[in-house]
N, C-alpha and C. Protein backbone atom coordinates (compact mmCIF):
# COMPACT_ATOMS: atom_id res chain seq x y z
N UNK A 1 -8.22 36.64 -76.31
CA UNK A 1 -7.98 35.53 -75.33
C UNK A 1 -7.09 34.85 -74.67
N UNK A 2 -5.93 35.20 -75.51
CA UNK A 2 -4.90 34.56 -74.43
C UNK A 2 -4.56 35.52 -73.24
N UNK A 3 -4.79 36.94 -72.98
CA UNK A 3 -4.79 37.54 -72.11
C UNK A 3 -5.86 36.83 -71.02
N UNK A 4 -7.29 36.88 -71.22
CA UNK A 4 -8.25 36.57 -71.07
C UNK A 4 -7.92 34.94 -70.22
N UNK A 5 -7.53 34.23 -70.68
CA UNK A 5 -7.26 32.69 -70.27
C UNK A 5 -5.80 32.93 -69.67
N UNK A 6 -4.57 34.02 -69.36
CA UNK A 6 -3.49 34.22 -68.04
C UNK A 6 -4.34 34.64 -67.21
N UNK A 7 -5.40 35.63 -67.40
CA UNK A 7 -6.12 36.15 -66.18
C UNK A 7 -6.26 35.08 -65.25
N UNK A 8 -7.69 34.32 -66.00
CA UNK A 8 -8.34 33.85 -65.61
C UNK A 8 -7.30 32.60 -64.72
N UNK A 9 -6.19 32.09 -65.29
CA UNK A 9 -5.34 31.12 -64.38
C UNK A 9 -5.44 31.62 -63.16
N UNK A 10 -4.65 32.93 -63.18
CA UNK A 10 -4.52 33.71 -62.08
C UNK A 10 -5.40 33.63 -60.90
N UNK A 11 -6.24 34.67 -61.73
CA UNK A 11 -7.60 34.06 -60.23
C UNK A 11 -7.72 32.88 -60.01
N UNK A 12 -8.15 31.63 -60.89
CA UNK A 12 -8.27 30.28 -60.37
C UNK A 12 -7.63 29.92 -59.39
N UNK A 13 -6.13 29.88 -59.69
CA UNK A 13 -4.52 29.83 -58.55
C UNK A 13 -5.04 30.46 -57.42
N UNK A 14 -5.35 31.80 -57.51
CA UNK A 14 -5.72 32.08 -56.30
C UNK A 14 -6.59 31.69 -55.38
N UNK A 15 -7.81 31.44 -56.12
CA UNK A 15 -8.79 30.62 -55.64
C UNK A 15 -8.46 29.00 -54.88
N UNK A 16 -7.66 28.51 -55.83
CA UNK A 16 -7.07 27.42 -54.85
C UNK A 16 -6.37 27.60 -53.46
N UNK A 17 -5.60 28.54 -53.45
CA UNK A 17 -4.68 29.01 -52.27
C UNK A 17 -5.87 29.43 -51.12
N UNK A 18 -7.00 30.30 -51.99
CA UNK A 18 -7.88 30.39 -51.02
C UNK A 18 -8.59 29.36 -50.09
N UNK A 19 -8.57 28.17 -50.94
CA UNK A 19 -9.45 27.49 -50.71
C UNK A 19 -8.51 26.33 -49.46
N UNK A 20 -7.13 26.58 -50.04
CA UNK A 20 -6.87 25.78 -49.11
C UNK A 20 -6.03 26.37 -47.73
N UNK A 21 -5.91 27.65 -47.71
CA UNK A 21 -6.03 28.96 -46.39
C UNK A 21 -7.25 28.67 -45.55
N UNK A 22 -8.46 28.39 -46.37
CA UNK A 22 -10.26 28.40 -45.43
C UNK A 22 -9.99 27.14 -44.87
N UNK A 23 -9.44 26.15 -44.63
CA UNK A 23 -9.28 24.76 -44.39
C UNK A 23 -9.01 25.05 -42.36
N UNK A 24 -9.71 24.61 -41.86
CA UNK A 24 -9.55 24.87 -40.33
C UNK A 24 -8.23 24.02 -40.12
N UNK A 25 -7.59 24.47 -39.07
CA UNK A 25 -6.34 23.58 -38.49
C UNK A 25 -6.40 22.32 -38.82
N UNK A 26 -7.43 21.38 -37.70
CA UNK A 26 -7.21 20.03 -38.08
C UNK A 26 -7.26 19.79 -39.24
N UNK A 27 -8.09 20.24 -40.29
CA UNK A 27 -8.31 19.69 -41.67
C UNK A 27 -7.10 19.62 -42.35
N UNK A 28 -6.46 20.69 -42.29
CA UNK A 28 -5.42 21.33 -43.24
C UNK A 28 -3.85 20.38 -42.63
N UNK A 29 -4.18 20.54 -41.43
CA UNK A 29 -3.07 19.61 -40.22
C UNK A 29 -3.20 17.46 -40.42
N UNK A 30 -4.47 17.67 -41.01
CA UNK A 30 -4.84 16.35 -41.70
C UNK A 30 -4.00 15.95 -42.82
N UNK A 31 -4.17 16.71 -43.75
CA UNK A 31 -3.96 16.84 -45.35
C UNK A 31 -2.32 16.38 -45.37
N UNK A 32 -1.59 17.77 -44.76
CA UNK A 32 -0.29 17.45 -44.58
C UNK A 32 0.26 16.50 -43.84
N UNK A 33 -0.66 15.85 -42.83
CA UNK A 33 0.14 14.44 -42.21
C UNK A 33 -0.33 13.60 -43.36
N UNK A 34 -1.17 13.92 -43.86
CA UNK A 34 -1.26 12.28 -45.14
C UNK A 34 -0.28 12.80 -46.02
N UNK A 35 0.03 13.71 -46.44
CA UNK A 35 1.19 13.57 -47.50
C UNK A 35 2.44 13.33 -46.73
N UNK A 36 2.95 13.29 -45.79
CA UNK A 36 3.55 13.16 -44.65
C UNK A 36 3.52 11.76 -44.99
N UNK A 37 2.68 11.06 -44.33
CA UNK A 37 2.92 9.82 -44.61
C UNK A 37 3.11 9.07 -46.04
N UNK A 38 2.77 9.79 -47.14
CA UNK A 38 2.98 9.25 -48.11
C UNK A 38 4.41 9.27 -48.63
N UNK A 39 5.33 10.97 -48.19
CA UNK A 39 6.87 10.72 -48.29
C UNK A 39 7.27 9.91 -47.37
N UNK A 40 7.18 9.30 -46.34
CA UNK A 40 7.87 7.93 -45.85
C UNK A 40 7.60 6.89 -45.96
N UNK A 41 6.55 6.09 -47.20
CA UNK A 41 6.21 5.35 -47.43
C UNK A 41 7.10 5.52 -48.88
N UNK A 42 7.75 6.09 -49.18
CA UNK A 42 8.42 6.59 -50.64
C UNK A 42 9.89 6.63 -50.17
N UNK A 43 10.09 7.52 -49.55
CA UNK A 43 11.36 7.71 -49.06
C UNK A 43 12.14 6.96 -47.67
N UNK A 44 11.99 5.59 -47.47
CA UNK A 44 12.50 4.62 -46.27
C UNK A 44 13.31 5.36 -45.62
N UNK A 45 14.62 5.57 -46.05
CA UNK A 45 15.19 6.35 -45.29
C UNK A 45 15.43 7.30 -44.38
N UNK A 46 14.11 8.20 -44.71
CA UNK A 46 13.55 9.32 -43.86
C UNK A 46 13.58 8.31 -42.56
N UNK A 47 13.70 8.99 -41.24
CA UNK A 47 13.46 8.94 -39.83
C UNK A 47 12.31 9.14 -39.40
N UNK A 48 11.49 8.11 -38.62
CA UNK A 48 10.23 7.78 -38.69
C UNK A 48 9.61 9.49 -37.70
N UNK A 49 11.13 10.26 -37.31
CA UNK A 49 10.20 11.46 -35.94
C UNK A 49 9.61 12.36 -37.31
N UNK A 50 8.66 12.46 -37.32
CA UNK A 50 8.13 13.10 -39.00
C UNK A 50 8.07 14.38 -38.52
N UNK A 51 8.28 15.15 -37.58
CA UNK A 51 7.85 16.83 -37.16
C UNK A 51 8.51 17.38 -38.06
N UNK A 52 10.16 17.25 -38.46
CA UNK A 52 10.58 18.35 -39.65
C UNK A 52 9.98 17.64 -40.38
N UNK A 53 10.00 16.42 -40.96
CA UNK A 53 9.13 16.34 -42.59
C UNK A 53 7.90 16.97 -42.55
N UNK A 54 6.95 17.15 -41.35
CA UNK A 54 5.88 18.20 -41.68
C UNK A 54 6.35 19.97 -41.91
N UNK A 55 7.23 19.90 -41.33
CA UNK A 55 7.45 21.43 -41.28
C UNK A 55 8.12 21.20 -42.92
N UNK A 56 9.03 20.58 -43.45
CA UNK A 56 9.46 20.90 -44.49
C UNK A 56 8.43 20.75 -45.52
N UNK A 57 6.96 19.92 -45.05
CA UNK A 57 6.37 20.03 -46.26
C UNK A 57 5.28 21.50 -46.40
N UNK A 58 4.54 21.66 -45.32
CA UNK A 58 4.38 23.02 -44.85
C UNK A 58 4.60 23.92 -45.96
N UNK A 59 5.68 24.47 -45.01
CA UNK A 59 6.52 25.39 -46.12
C UNK A 59 6.61 24.95 -47.75
N UNK A 60 7.04 23.98 -47.68
CA UNK A 60 7.66 23.66 -48.87
C UNK A 60 6.07 24.03 -50.34
N UNK A 61 4.87 23.63 -49.48
CA UNK A 61 3.86 24.21 -49.91
C UNK A 61 3.39 25.52 -50.23
N UNK A 62 4.06 26.28 -49.23
CA UNK A 62 4.01 28.04 -49.21
C UNK A 62 4.53 28.35 -50.22
N UNK A 63 5.95 28.16 -50.39
CA UNK A 63 7.03 28.22 -51.43
C UNK A 63 6.27 27.63 -52.74
N UNK A 64 5.87 26.68 -53.08
CA UNK A 64 5.54 25.85 -54.27
C UNK A 64 4.13 27.10 -54.59
N UNK A 65 3.37 27.01 -53.66
CA UNK A 65 1.98 27.56 -54.76
C UNK A 65 1.88 29.05 -55.18
N UNK A 66 3.24 29.83 -54.46
CA UNK A 66 3.57 30.96 -54.43
C UNK A 66 4.14 31.34 -55.83
N UNK A 67 5.42 30.20 -55.89
CA UNK A 67 6.04 30.28 -57.39
C UNK A 67 5.18 29.95 -58.50
N UNK A 68 3.97 29.14 -58.29
CA UNK A 68 3.40 28.93 -59.51
C UNK A 68 2.17 30.25 -59.89
N UNK A 69 2.32 30.72 -58.09
CA UNK A 69 0.94 32.35 -58.52
C UNK A 69 2.33 33.43 -59.28
N UNK A 70 3.36 33.41 -58.81
CA UNK A 70 4.62 34.38 -59.39
C UNK A 70 4.66 34.08 -60.94
N UNK A 71 4.52 32.94 -61.26
CA UNK A 71 4.82 32.33 -62.74
C UNK A 71 3.36 33.19 -63.49
N UNK A 72 2.54 32.67 -62.87
CA UNK A 72 1.12 33.65 -63.73
C UNK A 72 1.01 34.48 -63.80
N UNK A 73 1.11 35.28 -62.68
CA UNK A 73 1.17 36.84 -62.37
C UNK A 73 1.88 37.60 -63.68
N UNK A 74 3.33 37.03 -63.49
CA UNK A 74 4.42 37.69 -64.26
C UNK A 74 3.42 37.50 -66.23
N UNK A 75 3.59 36.13 -66.21
CA UNK A 75 2.82 36.09 -67.45
C UNK A 75 1.60 36.81 -68.12
N UNK A 76 0.92 36.78 -67.24
CA UNK A 76 -0.35 37.71 -67.29
C UNK A 76 -0.36 39.13 -67.71
N UNK A 77 1.00 39.51 -67.00
CA UNK A 77 1.07 40.79 -67.08
C UNK A 77 1.80 41.02 -68.77
N UNK A 78 2.67 40.28 -68.71
CA UNK A 78 3.69 40.15 -70.16
C UNK A 78 2.58 40.01 -71.36
N UNK A 79 1.49 39.31 -71.53
CA UNK A 79 0.58 39.22 -72.33
C UNK A 79 -0.16 40.34 -72.61
N UNK A 80 -0.57 40.85 -71.02
CA UNK A 80 -1.23 42.07 -71.40
C UNK A 80 -0.62 43.56 -72.25
N UNK A 81 0.73 42.68 -71.96
CA UNK A 81 1.46 44.40 -72.76
C UNK A 81 2.31 44.84 -71.99
N UNK A 82 2.17 44.51 -70.79
CA UNK A 82 2.76 45.50 -69.65
C UNK A 82 4.47 44.73 -69.74
N UNK A 83 5.40 45.69 -69.83
CA UNK A 83 7.54 46.14 -69.92
C UNK A 83 7.43 45.38 -68.78
N UNK A 84 8.59 44.21 -69.43
CA UNK A 84 9.14 43.58 -68.63
C UNK A 84 9.70 43.78 -67.17
N UNK A 85 10.29 45.35 -66.83
CA UNK A 85 10.75 45.63 -65.70
C UNK A 85 9.43 45.79 -64.62
N UNK A 86 8.55 46.54 -65.20
CA UNK A 86 7.18 46.89 -64.48
C UNK A 86 7.00 45.41 -64.02
N UNK A 87 6.37 44.80 -65.33
CA UNK A 87 6.10 43.30 -64.81
C UNK A 87 5.98 42.48 -63.66
N UNK A 88 7.86 43.18 -63.51
CA UNK A 88 8.60 42.47 -62.13
C UNK A 88 8.14 42.65 -61.18
N UNK A 89 8.01 44.16 -60.97
CA UNK A 89 8.12 44.99 -59.86
C UNK A 89 5.67 44.55 -59.41
N UNK A 90 5.26 44.75 -60.76
CA UNK A 90 3.93 44.22 -60.22
C UNK A 90 3.44 43.14 -59.83
N UNK A 91 4.28 42.45 -60.07
CA UNK A 91 4.28 40.79 -59.78
C UNK A 91 4.04 40.65 -58.65
N UNK A 92 5.60 41.21 -58.32
CA UNK A 92 6.32 40.79 -56.93
C UNK A 92 4.93 41.72 -55.74
N UNK A 93 4.28 43.00 -56.41
CA UNK A 93 3.18 43.59 -55.34
C UNK A 93 1.80 42.55 -55.08
N UNK A 94 1.52 42.41 -56.35
CA UNK A 94 0.37 41.66 -56.35
C UNK A 94 0.72 40.33 -55.04
N UNK A 95 1.90 39.49 -55.73
CA UNK A 95 1.97 38.56 -54.61
C UNK A 95 2.16 38.70 -53.31
N UNK A 96 3.11 39.52 -53.19
CA UNK A 96 2.90 40.21 -51.77
C UNK A 96 1.77 40.48 -51.85
N UNK A 97 0.85 41.54 -51.90
CA UNK A 97 -0.11 41.92 -51.02
C UNK A 97 -1.31 40.82 -51.19
N UNK A 98 -0.98 39.14 -51.97
CA UNK A 98 -2.21 38.35 -52.08
C UNK A 98 -1.84 37.74 -50.82
N UNK A 99 -0.23 37.59 -50.27
CA UNK A 99 0.25 36.89 -49.21
C UNK A 99 -0.12 37.24 -47.84
N UNK A 100 -0.09 38.47 -47.76
CA UNK A 100 -0.40 38.86 -46.69
C UNK A 100 -2.14 38.87 -46.55
N UNK A 101 -3.11 39.26 -47.33
CA UNK A 101 -4.29 38.89 -47.61
C UNK A 101 -4.69 37.40 -47.24
N UNK A 102 -3.71 36.44 -47.38
CA UNK A 102 -3.43 35.19 -47.48
C UNK A 102 -3.79 35.16 -45.63
N UNK A 103 -2.40 35.47 -45.05
CA UNK A 103 -1.89 35.23 -43.38
C UNK A 103 -3.56 36.00 -42.58
N UNK A 104 -3.94 37.02 -43.39
CA UNK A 104 -4.62 37.73 -42.46
C UNK A 104 -6.37 37.11 -42.78
N UNK A 105 -6.92 36.49 -43.88
CA UNK A 105 -7.72 35.26 -43.79
C UNK A 105 -7.61 34.11 -42.96
N UNK A 106 -6.38 33.57 -42.47
CA UNK A 106 -6.35 32.44 -41.77
C UNK A 106 -6.48 33.45 -40.23
N UNK A 107 -6.13 34.10 -39.92
CA UNK A 107 -6.54 34.79 -38.76
C UNK A 107 -8.10 34.61 -37.93
N UNK A 108 -9.07 34.68 -39.42
CA UNK A 108 -10.60 34.33 -38.49
C UNK A 108 -10.77 32.86 -38.74
N UNK A 109 -9.92 31.94 -39.41
CA UNK A 109 -9.90 30.52 -39.62
C UNK A 109 -10.03 30.24 -38.08
N UNK A 110 -10.64 28.85 -37.99
CA UNK A 110 -10.47 28.30 -36.22
C UNK A 110 -8.80 27.25 -36.55
N UNK A 111 -8.18 27.41 -35.84
CA UNK A 111 -6.88 27.06 -35.56
C UNK A 111 -5.70 26.71 -36.78
N UNK A 112 -6.23 28.27 -36.74
CA UNK A 112 -5.09 28.11 -38.07
C UNK A 112 -4.26 30.04 -37.68
N UNK A 113 -3.34 30.71 -38.14
CA UNK A 113 -2.65 31.82 -37.21
C UNK A 113 -2.29 32.17 -39.11
N UNK A 114 -2.16 33.54 -38.93
CA UNK A 114 -1.46 34.23 -39.90
C UNK A 114 -0.01 34.83 -39.26
N UNK A 115 1.17 34.47 -40.24
CA UNK A 115 2.77 34.54 -39.92
C UNK A 115 3.07 35.36 -40.93
N UNK A 116 3.82 35.93 -40.44
CA UNK A 116 4.72 37.29 -41.08
C UNK A 116 6.02 36.07 -42.25
N UNK A 117 6.13 35.31 -41.08
CA UNK A 117 6.96 34.30 -41.78
C UNK A 117 6.36 33.34 -42.85
N UNK A 118 5.54 33.26 -42.91
CA UNK A 118 5.19 32.71 -44.29
C UNK A 118 4.62 33.64 -45.42
N UNK A 119 4.40 35.04 -45.20
CA UNK A 119 3.83 36.02 -45.90
C UNK A 119 5.50 35.96 -46.75
N UNK A 120 6.54 35.86 -46.04
CA UNK A 120 8.16 36.05 -46.56
C UNK A 120 8.42 35.14 -47.18
N UNK A 121 8.12 33.82 -46.88
CA UNK A 121 8.18 32.85 -47.65
C UNK A 121 7.01 32.89 -49.44
N UNK A 122 6.17 33.03 -49.03
CA UNK A 122 5.37 33.05 -49.96
C UNK A 122 5.70 34.19 -50.92
N UNK A 123 6.50 35.02 -50.75
CA UNK A 123 7.04 36.54 -51.63
C UNK A 123 8.27 35.54 -52.35
N UNK A 124 9.05 35.23 -51.29
CA UNK A 124 10.69 34.76 -51.94
C UNK A 124 9.74 33.58 -52.92
N UNK A 125 9.22 32.57 -52.60
CA UNK A 125 8.61 31.42 -53.69
C UNK A 125 8.16 32.18 -55.09
N UNK A 126 6.78 33.19 -54.85
CA UNK A 126 6.87 33.88 -55.99
C UNK A 126 7.63 34.77 -57.03
N UNK A 127 8.95 35.61 -55.97
CA UNK A 127 9.90 35.72 -56.59
C UNK A 127 11.09 35.04 -57.54
N UNK A 128 10.97 33.69 -56.97
CA UNK A 128 12.06 32.40 -57.65
C UNK A 128 11.16 32.32 -58.80
N UNK A 129 10.06 32.30 -58.47
CA UNK A 129 8.75 31.64 -59.90
C UNK A 129 8.80 32.80 -60.83
N UNK A 130 9.19 34.01 -60.54
CA UNK A 130 9.24 34.94 -61.29
C UNK A 130 10.39 34.87 -62.24
N UNK A 131 11.77 34.49 -61.49
CA UNK A 131 13.24 34.38 -62.15
C UNK A 131 12.96 33.48 -62.49
N UNK A 132 12.58 32.19 -62.70
CA UNK A 132 12.34 31.11 -63.50
C UNK A 132 11.91 31.65 -64.75
N UNK A 133 10.78 32.41 -64.80
CA UNK A 133 9.92 32.77 -66.27
C UNK A 133 10.94 33.26 -66.60
N UNK A 134 11.64 34.70 -66.35
CA UNK A 134 12.42 35.48 -66.57
C UNK A 134 13.57 34.83 -67.79
N UNK A 135 14.13 33.93 -66.58
CA UNK A 135 14.98 32.83 -67.49
C UNK A 135 15.00 32.57 -68.71
N UNK A 136 13.77 31.66 -68.40
CA UNK A 136 13.25 31.41 -69.94
C UNK A 136 12.76 32.25 -70.75
N UNK A 137 12.35 33.35 -70.45
CA UNK A 137 11.89 34.28 -71.42
C UNK A 137 12.80 34.61 -72.11
N UNK A 138 14.18 35.40 -71.63
CA UNK A 138 15.24 35.32 -72.10
C UNK A 138 15.95 34.59 -73.13
N UNK A 139 15.74 33.35 -72.71
CA UNK A 139 16.25 32.45 -73.50
C UNK A 139 15.42 32.28 -74.90
N UNK A 140 14.15 32.47 -75.01
CA UNK A 140 13.28 32.06 -75.69
C UNK A 140 13.18 33.53 -76.80
N UNK A 141 13.57 34.38 -76.66
CA UNK A 141 13.38 35.81 -76.84
C UNK A 141 15.07 35.98 -77.43
N UNK A 142 16.19 35.35 -77.17
CA UNK A 142 17.61 35.98 -77.29
C UNK A 142 17.39 35.64 -78.60
N UNK A 143 16.61 34.59 -79.61
CA UNK A 143 17.01 34.38 -80.39
C UNK A 143 16.12 35.44 -82.11
N UNK A 144 15.62 35.95 -81.13
CA UNK A 144 14.44 37.07 -82.26
C UNK A 144 15.49 38.15 -82.39
């Protein structure tokens, strides 16, 4: 049952990424613009020139969603019995291929574009997620 739930979590997260990637450019900009406004209202010392904040939020979102995807994929592989070293390489490959497919998908969405730099950022985010997973895995299994 744990195996099914862990793979469902991966698929649901991929679905969420697809949903956000499928938003037309204008809708996506409005969403990130709303997040920028919230950040500016919470952190008053940030300059009202929000272009850099907008970029940081958009790129941070890429990093974060793939960070989570990396954790979910490596966890699902480990629960499925894949050995640790192999699960790392398979996870990187899965996240890289999904990032590529996500950027290709965006080429067909009005107002969106596919960026190689986003694939790199997504893969780095997934890799950091896997690294954090591995650190906690080692800490938890060290005592066994």
